[in-house]
Amino acid sequence: MYVCSCFGVTEQQVRDHAAAGACTPRQIASASKAGTDCGGCVRTIQAMLGRGACPRRELLERKQTPATATAPVEGLPEAA
């Protein structure tokens, strides 16, 4: 069955991309273009992916050390 009729992406193709490491709709879109035209399939792709092993952004941000997270960037003024 087609998930994305705009680009002819099937459920199996989404599953194959997910098995290869794409664990967000954006990563599926990068791999297959699904969800990049009308966007009608994005919720279906989200439902197919569920809450898998993909690390959440908040968890990744917490793992940063305070020195790395607040280090000034050369050439930019520091925050007051």
PDB file of N, CA and C in Angstrom:
ATOM      1  N   MET A   1       0.840  -1.180   0.000  1.00  0.00           N
ATOM      2  CA  MET A   1       0.000   0.000   0.000  1.00  0.00           C
ATOM      3  C   MET A   1       0.889   1.249   0.000  1.00  0.00           C
ATOM      4  N   TYR A   2       0.429   2.264  -0.720  1.00  0.00           N
ATOM      5  CA  TYR A   2       1.190   3.507  -0.781  1.00  0.00           C
ATOM      6  C   TYR A   2       0.974   4.351   0.470  1.00  0.00           C
ATOM      7  N   VAL A   3       2.050   4.890   0.983  1.00  0.00           N
ATOM      8  CA  VAL A   3       1.987   5.835   2.088  1.00  0.00           C
ATOM      9  C   VAL A   3       1.974   7.240   1.504  1.00  0.00           C
ATOM     10  N   CYS A   4       2.834   7.477   0.529  1.00  0.00           N
ATOM     11  CA  CYS A   4       2.955   8.777  -0.119  1.00  0.00           C
ATOM     12  C   CYS A   4       2.592   8.625  -1.586  1.00  0.00           C
ATOM     13  N   SER A   5       1.412   9.112  -1.942  1.00  0.00           N
ATOM     14  CA  SER A   5       0.989   8.995  -3.337  1.00  0.00           C
ATOM     15  C   SER A   5       1.680  10.019  -4.226  1.00  0.00           C
ATOM     16  N   CYS A   6       2.177  11.104  -3.657  1.00  0.00           N
ATOM     17  CA  CYS A   6       2.882  12.115  -4.456  1.00  0.00           C
ATOM     18  C   CYS A   6       4.152  11.543  -5.089  1.00  0.00           C
ATOM     19  N   PHE A   7       4.875  10.720  -4.335  1.00  0.00           N
ATOM     20  CA  PHE A   7       6.134  10.169  -4.823  1.00  0.00           C
ATOM     21  C   PHE A   7       6.127   8.645  -4.930  1.00  0.00           C
ATOM     22  N   GLY A   8       4.970   8.031  -4.719  1.00  0.00           N
ATOM     23  CA  GLY A   8       4.852   6.588  -4.877  1.00  0.00           C
ATOM     24  C   GLY A   8       5.667   5.781  -3.878  1.00  0.00           C
ATOM     25  N   VAL A   9       5.716   6.260  -2.630  1.00  0.00           N
ATOM     26  CA  VAL A   9       6.472   5.573  -1.581  1.00  0.00           C
ATOM     27  C   VAL A   9       5.531   4.622  -0.845  1.00  0.00           C
ATOM     28  N   THR A  10       5.954   3.379  -0.725  1.00  0.00           N
ATOM     29  CA  THR A  10       5.118   2.357  -0.099  1.00  0.00           C
ATOM     30  C   THR A  10       5.447   2.193   1.381  1.00  0.00           C
ATOM     31  N   GLU A  11       4.550   1.489   2.080  1.00  0.00           N
ATOM     32  CA  GLU A  11       4.792   1.164   3.493  1.00  0.00           C
ATOM     33  C   GLU A  11       6.100   0.389   3.642  1.00  0.00           C
ATOM     34  N   GLN A  12       6.335  -0.556   2.732  1.00  0.00           N
ATOM     35  CA  GLN A  12       7.548  -1.375   2.814  1.00  0.00           C
ATOM     36  C   GLN A  12       8.801  -0.520   2.652  1.00  0.00           C
ATOM     37  N   GLN A  13       8.750   0.471   1.761  1.00  0.00           N
ATOM     38  CA  GLN A  13       9.905   1.350   1.591  1.00  0.00           C
ATOM     39  C   GLN A  13      10.173   2.151   2.861  1.00  0.00           C
ATOM     40  N   VAL A  14       9.118   2.623   3.508  1.00  0.00           N
ATOM     41  CA  VAL A  14       9.282   3.354   4.774  1.00  0.00           C
ATOM     42  C   VAL A  14       9.892   2.423   5.815  1.00  0.00           C
ATOM     43  N   ARG A  15       9.395   1.190   5.897  1.00  0.00           N
ATOM     44  CA  ARG A  15       9.947   0.218   6.853  1.00  0.00           C
ATOM     45  C   ARG A  15      11.421  -0.073   6.549  1.00  0.00           C
ATOM     46  N   ASP A  16      11.754  -0.197   5.260  1.00  0.00           N
ATOM     47  CA  ASP A  16      13.148  -0.467   4.877  1.00  0.00           C
ATOM     48  C   ASP A  16      14.062   0.685   5.270  1.00  0.00           C
ATOM     49  N   HIS A  17      13.611   1.926   5.033  1.00  0.00           N
ATOM     50  CA  HIS A  17      14.409   3.098   5.426  1.00  0.00           C
ATOM     51  C   HIS A  17      14.543   3.173   6.947  1.00  0.00           C
ATOM     52  N   ALA A  18      13.471   2.834   7.654  1.00  0.00           N
ATOM     53  CA  ALA A  18      13.520   2.837   9.121  1.00  0.00           C
ATOM     54  C   ALA A  18      14.504   1.778   9.613  1.00  0.00           C
ATOM     55  N   ALA A  19      14.493   0.615   8.989  1.00  0.00           N
ATOM     56  CA  ALA A  19      15.423  -0.444   9.386  1.00  0.00           C
ATOM     57  C   ALA A  19      16.869  -0.049   9.103  1.00  0.00           C
ATOM     58  N   ALA A  20      17.052   0.817   8.107  1.00  0.00           N
ATOM     59  CA  ALA A  20      18.398   1.279   7.761  1.00  0.00           C
ATOM     60  C   ALA A  20      18.843   2.448   8.637  1.00  0.00           C
ATOM     61  N   GLY A  21      17.973   2.911   9.564  1.00  0.00           N
ATOM     62  CA  GLY A  21      18.383   3.938  10.510  1.00  0.00           C
ATOM     63  C   GLY A  21      17.597   5.232  10.466  1.00  0.00           C
ATOM     64  N   ALA A  22      16.721   5.414   9.504  1.00  0.00           N
ATOM     65  CA  ALA A  22      15.896   6.622   9.458  1.00  0.00           C
ATOM     66  C   ALA A  22      14.785   6.472  10.490  1.00  0.00           C
ATOM     67  N   CYS A  23      14.809   7.297  11.537  1.00  0.00           N
ATOM     68  CA  CYS A  23      13.833   7.100  12.609  1.00  0.00           C
ATOM     69  C   CYS A  23      12.956   8.325  12.867  1.00  0.00           C
ATOM     70  N   THR A  24      12.976   9.281  11.948  1.00  0.00           N
ATOM     71  CA  THR A  24      12.071  10.422  12.040  1.00  0.00           C
ATOM     72  C   THR A  24      11.453  10.658  10.667  1.00  0.00           C
ATOM     73  N   PRO A  25      10.297  11.308  10.615  1.00  0.00           N
ATOM     74  CA  PRO A  25       9.714  11.618   9.308  1.00  0.00           C
ATOM     75  C   PRO A  25      10.664  12.438   8.430  1.00  0.00           C
ATOM     76  N   ARG A  26      11.433  13.306   9.031  1.00  0.00           N
ATOM     77  CA  ARG A  26      12.387  14.115   8.261  1.00  0.00           C
ATOM     78  C   ARG A  26      13.466  13.233   7.632  1.00  0.00           C
ATOM     79  N   GLN A  27      13.935  12.240   8.359  1.00  0.00           N
ATOM     80  CA  GLN A  27      14.941  11.330   7.817  1.00  0.00           C
ATOM     81  C   GLN A  27      14.339  10.445   6.723  1.00  0.00           C
ATOM     82  N   ILE A  28      13.089  10.039   6.897  1.00  0.00           N
ATOM     83  CA  ILE A  28      12.400   9.282   5.847  1.00  0.00           C
ATOM     84  C   ILE A  28      12.269  10.170   4.603  1.00  0.00           C
ATOM     85  N   ALA A  29      11.933  11.434   4.786  1.00  0.00           N
ATOM     86  CA  ALA A  29      11.804  12.365   3.664  1.00  0.00           C
ATOM     87  C   ALA A  29      13.128  12.528   2.933  1.00  0.00           C
ATOM     88  N   SER A  30      14.228  12.599   3.672  1.00  0.00           N
ATOM     89  CA  SER A  30      15.537  12.720   3.042  1.00  0.00           C
ATOM     90  C   SER A  30      15.873  11.489   2.217  1.00  0.00           C
ATOM     91  N   ALA A  31      15.438  10.338   2.688  1.00  0.00           N
ATOM     92  CA  ALA A  31      15.749   9.091   2.007  1.00  0.00           C
ATOM     93  C   ALA A  31      14.815   8.805   0.833  1.00  0.00           C
ATOM     94  N   SER A  32      13.568   9.301   0.890  1.00  0.00           N
ATOM     95  CA  SER A  32      12.584   8.880  -0.113  1.00  0.00           C
ATOM     96  C   SER A  32      11.734   9.999  -0.705  1.00  0.00           C
ATOM     97  N   LYS A  33      11.829  11.204  -0.191  1.00  0.00           N
ATOM     98  CA  LYS A  33      10.992  12.355  -0.571  1.00  0.00           C
ATOM     99  C   LYS A  33       9.579  12.284   0.001  1.00  0.00           C
ATOM    100  N   ALA A  34       9.209  11.184   0.651  1.00  0.00           N
ATOM    101  CA  ALA A  34       7.865  11.061   1.223  1.00  0.00           C
ATOM    102  C   ALA A  34       7.629  12.174   2.232  1.00  0.00           C
ATOM    103  N   GLY A  35       6.520  12.875   2.092  1.00  0.00           N
ATOM    104  CA  GLY A  35       6.175  13.943   3.018  1.00  0.00           C
ATOM    105  C   GLY A  35       6.685  15.311   2.622  1.00  0.00           C
ATOM    106  N   THR A  36       7.355  15.415   1.490  1.00  0.00           N
ATOM    107  CA  THR A  36       7.940  16.708   1.109  1.00  0.00           C
ATOM    108  C   THR A  36       7.082  17.497   0.125  1.00  0.00           C
ATOM    109  N   ASP A  37       5.977  16.919  -0.362  1.00  0.00           N
ATOM    110  CA  ASP A  37       5.138  17.662  -1.302  1.00  0.00           C
ATOM    111  C   ASP A  37       3.901  18.181  -0.586  1.00  0.00           C
ATOM    112  N   CYS A  38       2.847  17.403  -0.520  1.00  0.00           N
ATOM    113  CA  CYS A  38       1.612  17.888   0.113  1.00  0.00           C
ATOM    114  C   CYS A  38       1.642  17.721   1.635  1.00  0.00           C
ATOM    115  N   GLY A  39       2.452  16.780   2.130  1.00  0.00           N
ATOM    116  CA  GLY A  39       2.558  16.562   3.569  1.00  0.00           C
ATOM    117  C   GLY A  39       1.466  15.695   4.157  1.00  0.00           C
ATOM    118  N   GLY A  40       0.562  15.195   3.328  1.00  0.00           N
ATOM    119  CA  GLY A  40      -0.548  14.399   3.828  1.00  0.00           C
ATOM    120  C   GLY A  40      -0.136  13.070   4.442  1.00  0.00           C
ATOM    121  N   CYS A  41       1.052  12.599   4.130  1.00  0.00           N
ATOM    122  CA  CYS A  41       1.487  11.288   4.621  1.00  0.00           C
ATOM    123  C   CYS A  41       2.347  11.371   5.884  1.00  0.00           C
ATOM    124  N   VAL A  42       2.681  12.566   6.321  1.00  0.00           N
ATOM    125  CA  VAL A  42       3.608  12.712   7.451  1.00  0.00           C
ATOM    126  C   VAL A  42       3.069  12.051   8.715  1.00  0.00           C
ATOM    127  N   ARG A  43       1.798  12.216   9.000  1.00  0.00           N
ATOM    128  CA  ARG A  43       1.221  11.596  10.209  1.00  0.00           C
ATOM    129  C   ARG A  43       1.216  10.075  10.102  1.00  0.00           C
ATOM    130  N   THR A  44       0.991   9.560   8.908  1.00  0.00           N
ATOM    131  CA  THR A  44       1.033   8.110   8.710  1.00  0.00           C
ATOM    132  C   THR A  44       2.446   7.598   8.939  1.00  0.00           C
ATOM    133  N   ILE A  45       3.428   8.327   8.438  1.00  0.00           N
ATOM    134  CA  ILE A  45       4.834   7.943   8.634  1.00  0.00           C
ATOM    135  C   ILE A  45       5.185   8.004  10.114  1.00  0.00           C
ATOM    136  N   GLN A  46       4.733   9.052  10.802  1.00  0.00           N
ATOM    137  CA  GLN A  46       4.973   9.155  12.250  1.00  0.00           C
ATOM    138  C   GLN A  46       4.375   7.961  12.969  1.00  0.00           C
ATOM    139  N   ALA A  47       3.177   7.576  12.601  1.00  0.00           N
ATOM    140  CA  ALA A  47       2.522   6.434  13.246  1.00  0.00           C
ATOM    141  C   ALA A  47       3.275   5.143  12.959  1.00  0.00           C
ATOM    142  N   MET A  48       3.784   4.996  11.747  1.00  0.00           N
ATOM    143  CA  MET A  48       4.541   3.794  11.404  1.00  0.00           C
ATOM    144  C   MET A  48       5.845   3.717  12.203  1.00  0.00           C
ATOM    145  N   LEU A  49       6.489   4.862  12.387  1.00  0.00           N
ATOM    146  CA  LEU A  49       7.766   4.877  13.106  1.00  0.00           C
ATOM    147  C   LEU A  49       7.562   4.712  14.600  1.00  0.00           C
ATOM    148  N   GLY A  50       6.448   5.210  15.103  1.00  0.00           N
ATOM    149  CA  GLY A  50       6.167   5.103  16.530  1.00  0.00           C
ATOM    150  C   GLY A  50       7.234   5.771  17.372  1.00  0.00           C
ATOM    151  N   ARG A  51       7.427   5.267  18.549  1.00  0.00           N
ATOM    152  CA  ARG A  51       8.447   5.786  19.453  1.00  0.00           C
ATOM    153  C   ARG A  51       9.562   4.761  19.529  1.00  0.00           C
ATOM    154  N   GLY A  52      10.357   4.712  18.485  1.00  0.00           N
ATOM    155  CA  GLY A  52      11.424   3.725  18.389  1.00  0.00           C
ATOM    156  C   GLY A  52      12.660   4.101  19.173  1.00  0.00           C
ATOM    157  N   ALA A  53      13.778   3.606  18.729  1.00  0.00           N
ATOM    158  CA  ALA A  53      15.045   3.773  19.431  1.00  0.00           C
ATOM    159  C   ALA A  53      15.748   5.079  19.083  1.00  0.00           C
ATOM    160  N   CYS A  54      15.107   5.945  18.352  1.00  0.00           N
ATOM    161  CA  CYS A  54      15.727   7.207  17.964  1.00  0.00           C
ATOM    162  C   CYS A  54      15.861   8.104  19.204  1.00  0.00           C
ATOM    163  N   PRO A  55      17.049   8.613  19.482  1.00  0.00           N
ATOM    164  CA  PRO A  55      17.209   9.472  20.657  1.00  0.00           C
ATOM    165  C   PRO A  55      16.462  10.782  20.469  1.00  0.00           C
ATOM    166  N   ARG A  56      15.825  11.233  21.518  1.00  0.00           N
ATOM    167  CA  ARG A  56      15.095  12.495  21.464  1.00  0.00           C
ATOM    168  C   ARG A  56      16.049  13.658  21.625  1.00  0.00           C
ATOM    169  N   ARG A  57      15.731  14.772  20.994  1.00  0.00           N
ATOM    170  CA  ARG A  57      16.582  15.958  21.016  1.00  0.00           C
ATOM    171  C   ARG A  57      16.876  16.418  22.437  1.00  0.00           C
ATOM    172  N   GLU A  58      15.860  16.381  23.320  1.00  0.00           N
ATOM    173  CA  GLU A  58      16.068  16.847  24.694  1.00  0.00           C
ATOM    174  C   GLU A  58      17.126  16.002  25.403  1.00  0.00           C
ATOM    175  N   LEU A  59      17.105  14.702  25.153  1.00  0.00           N
ATOM    176  CA  LEU A  59      18.079  13.818  25.781  1.00  0.00           C
ATOM    177  C   LEU A  59      19.480  14.114  25.273  1.00  0.00           C
ATOM    178  N   LEU A  60      19.604  14.408  24.003  1.00  0.00           N
ATOM    179  CA  LEU A  60      20.914  14.741  23.444  1.00  0.00           C
ATOM    180  C   LEU A  60      21.419  16.050  24.017  1.00  0.00           C
ATOM    181  N   GLU A  61      20.530  17.028  24.191  1.00  0.00           N
ATOM    182  CA  GLU A  61      20.938  18.320  24.734  1.00  0.00           C
ATOM    183  C   GLU A  61      21.380  18.198  26.185  1.00  0.00           C
ATOM    184  N   ARG A  62      20.743  17.327  26.959  1.00  0.00           N
ATOM    185  CA  ARG A  62      21.122  17.136  28.359  1.00  0.00           C
ATOM    186  C   ARG A  62      22.503  16.522  28.488  1.00  0.00           C
ATOM    187  N   LYS A  63      22.910  15.725  27.506  1.00  0.00           N
ATOM    188  CA  LYS A  63      24.206  15.072  27.560  1.00  0.00           C
ATOM    189  C   LYS A  63      25.357  16.029  27.311  1.00  0.00           C
ATOM    190  N   GLN A  64      25.077  17.206  26.745  1.00  0.00           N
ATOM    191  CA  GLN A  64      26.136  18.189  26.517  1.00  0.00           C
ATOM    192  C   GLN A  64      26.639  18.705  27.854  1.00  0.00           C
ATOM    193  N   THR A  65      27.919  18.942  27.924  1.00  0.00           N
ATOM    194  CA  THR A  65      28.469  19.515  29.144  1.00  0.00           C
ATOM    195  C   THR A  65      28.174  21.004  29.163  1.00  0.00           C
ATOM    196  N   PRO A  66      28.070  21.617  30.340  1.00  0.00           N
ATOM    197  CA  PRO A  66      27.786  23.051  30.398  1.00  0.00           C
ATOM    198  C   PRO A  66      28.834  23.878  29.654  1.00  0.00           C
ATOM    199  N   ALA A  67      30.080  23.480  29.684  1.00  0.00           N
ATOM    200  CA  ALA A  67      31.122  24.238  28.992  1.00  0.00           C
ATOM    201  C   ALA A  67      30.888  24.220  27.485  1.00  0.00           C
ATOM    202  N   THR A  68      30.452  23.102  26.945  1.00  0.00           N
ATOM    203  CA  THR A  68      30.218  23.001  25.500  1.00  0.00           C
ATOM    204  C   THR A  68      28.946  23.739  25.119  1.00  0.00           C
ATOM    205  N   ALA A  69      27.949  23.664  25.973  1.00  0.00           N
ATOM    206  CA  ALA A  69      26.664  24.256  25.636  1.00  0.00           C
ATOM    207  C   ALA A  69      26.707  25.774  25.682  1.00  0.00           C
ATOM    208  N   THR A  70      27.597  26.355  26.490  1.00  0.00           N
ATOM    209  CA  THR A  70      27.618  27.810  26.639  1.00  0.00           C
ATOM    210  C   THR A  70      28.916  28.435  26.163  1.00  0.00           C
ATOM    211  N   ALA A  71      29.763  27.679  25.495  1.00  0.00           N
ATOM    212  CA  ALA A  71      31.036  28.231  25.029  1.00  0.00           C
ATOM    213  C   ALA A  71      30.783  29.312  23.992  1.00  0.00           C
ATOM    214  N   PRO A  72      31.462  30.471  24.108  1.00  0.00           N
ATOM    215  CA  PRO A  72      31.267  31.539  23.144  1.00  0.00           C
ATOM    216  C   PRO A  72      31.816  31.135  21.772  1.00  0.00           C
ATOM    217  N   VAL A  73      31.148  31.601  20.742  1.00  0.00           N
ATOM    218  CA  VAL A  73      31.597  31.334  19.388  1.00  0.00           C
ATOM    219  C   VAL A  73      32.484  32.478  18.959  1.00  0.00           C
ATOM    220  N   GLU A  74      33.629  32.163  18.397  1.00  0.00           N
ATOM    221  CA  GLU A  74      34.588  33.185  17.995  1.00  0.00           C
ATOM    222  C   GLU A  74      33.943  34.118  16.979  1.00  0.00           C
ATOM    223  N   GLY A  75      34.096  35.420  17.191  1.00  0.00           N
ATOM    224  CA  GLY A  75      33.565  36.404  16.282  1.00  0.00           C
ATOM    225  C   GLY A  75      32.169  36.884  16.640  1.00  0.00           C
ATOM    226  N   LEU A  76      31.509  36.235  17.595  1.00  0.00           N
ATOM    227  CA  LEU A  76      30.190  36.654  18.030  1.00  0.00           C
ATOM    228  C   LEU A  76      30.274  37.255  19.419  1.00  0.00           C
ATOM    229  N   PRO A  77      29.512  38.305  19.692  1.00  0.00           N
ATOM    230  CA  PRO A  77      29.549  38.882  21.038  1.00  0.00           C
ATOM    231  C   PRO A  77      28.954  37.937  22.054  1.00  0.00           C
ATOM    232  N   GLU A  78      29.504  37.944  23.257  1.00  0.00           N
ATOM    233  CA  GLU A  78      28.984  37.087  24.318  1.00  0.00           C
ATOM    234  C   GLU A  78      27.696  37.665  24.870  1.00  0.00           C
ATOM    235  N   ALA A  79      26.825  36.805  25.351  1.00  0.00           N
ATOM    236  CA  ALA A  79      25.575  37.255  25.971  1.00  0.00           C
ATOM    237  C   ALA A  79      25.855  37.907  27.303  1.00  0.00           C
ATOM    238  N   ALA A  80      25.090  38.932  27.620  1.00  0.00           N
ATOM    239  CA  ALA A  80      25.311  39.653  28.879  1.00  0.00           C
ATOM    240  C   ALA A  80      24.706  38.945  30.045  1.00  0.00           C
TER     241      ALA A  80
END
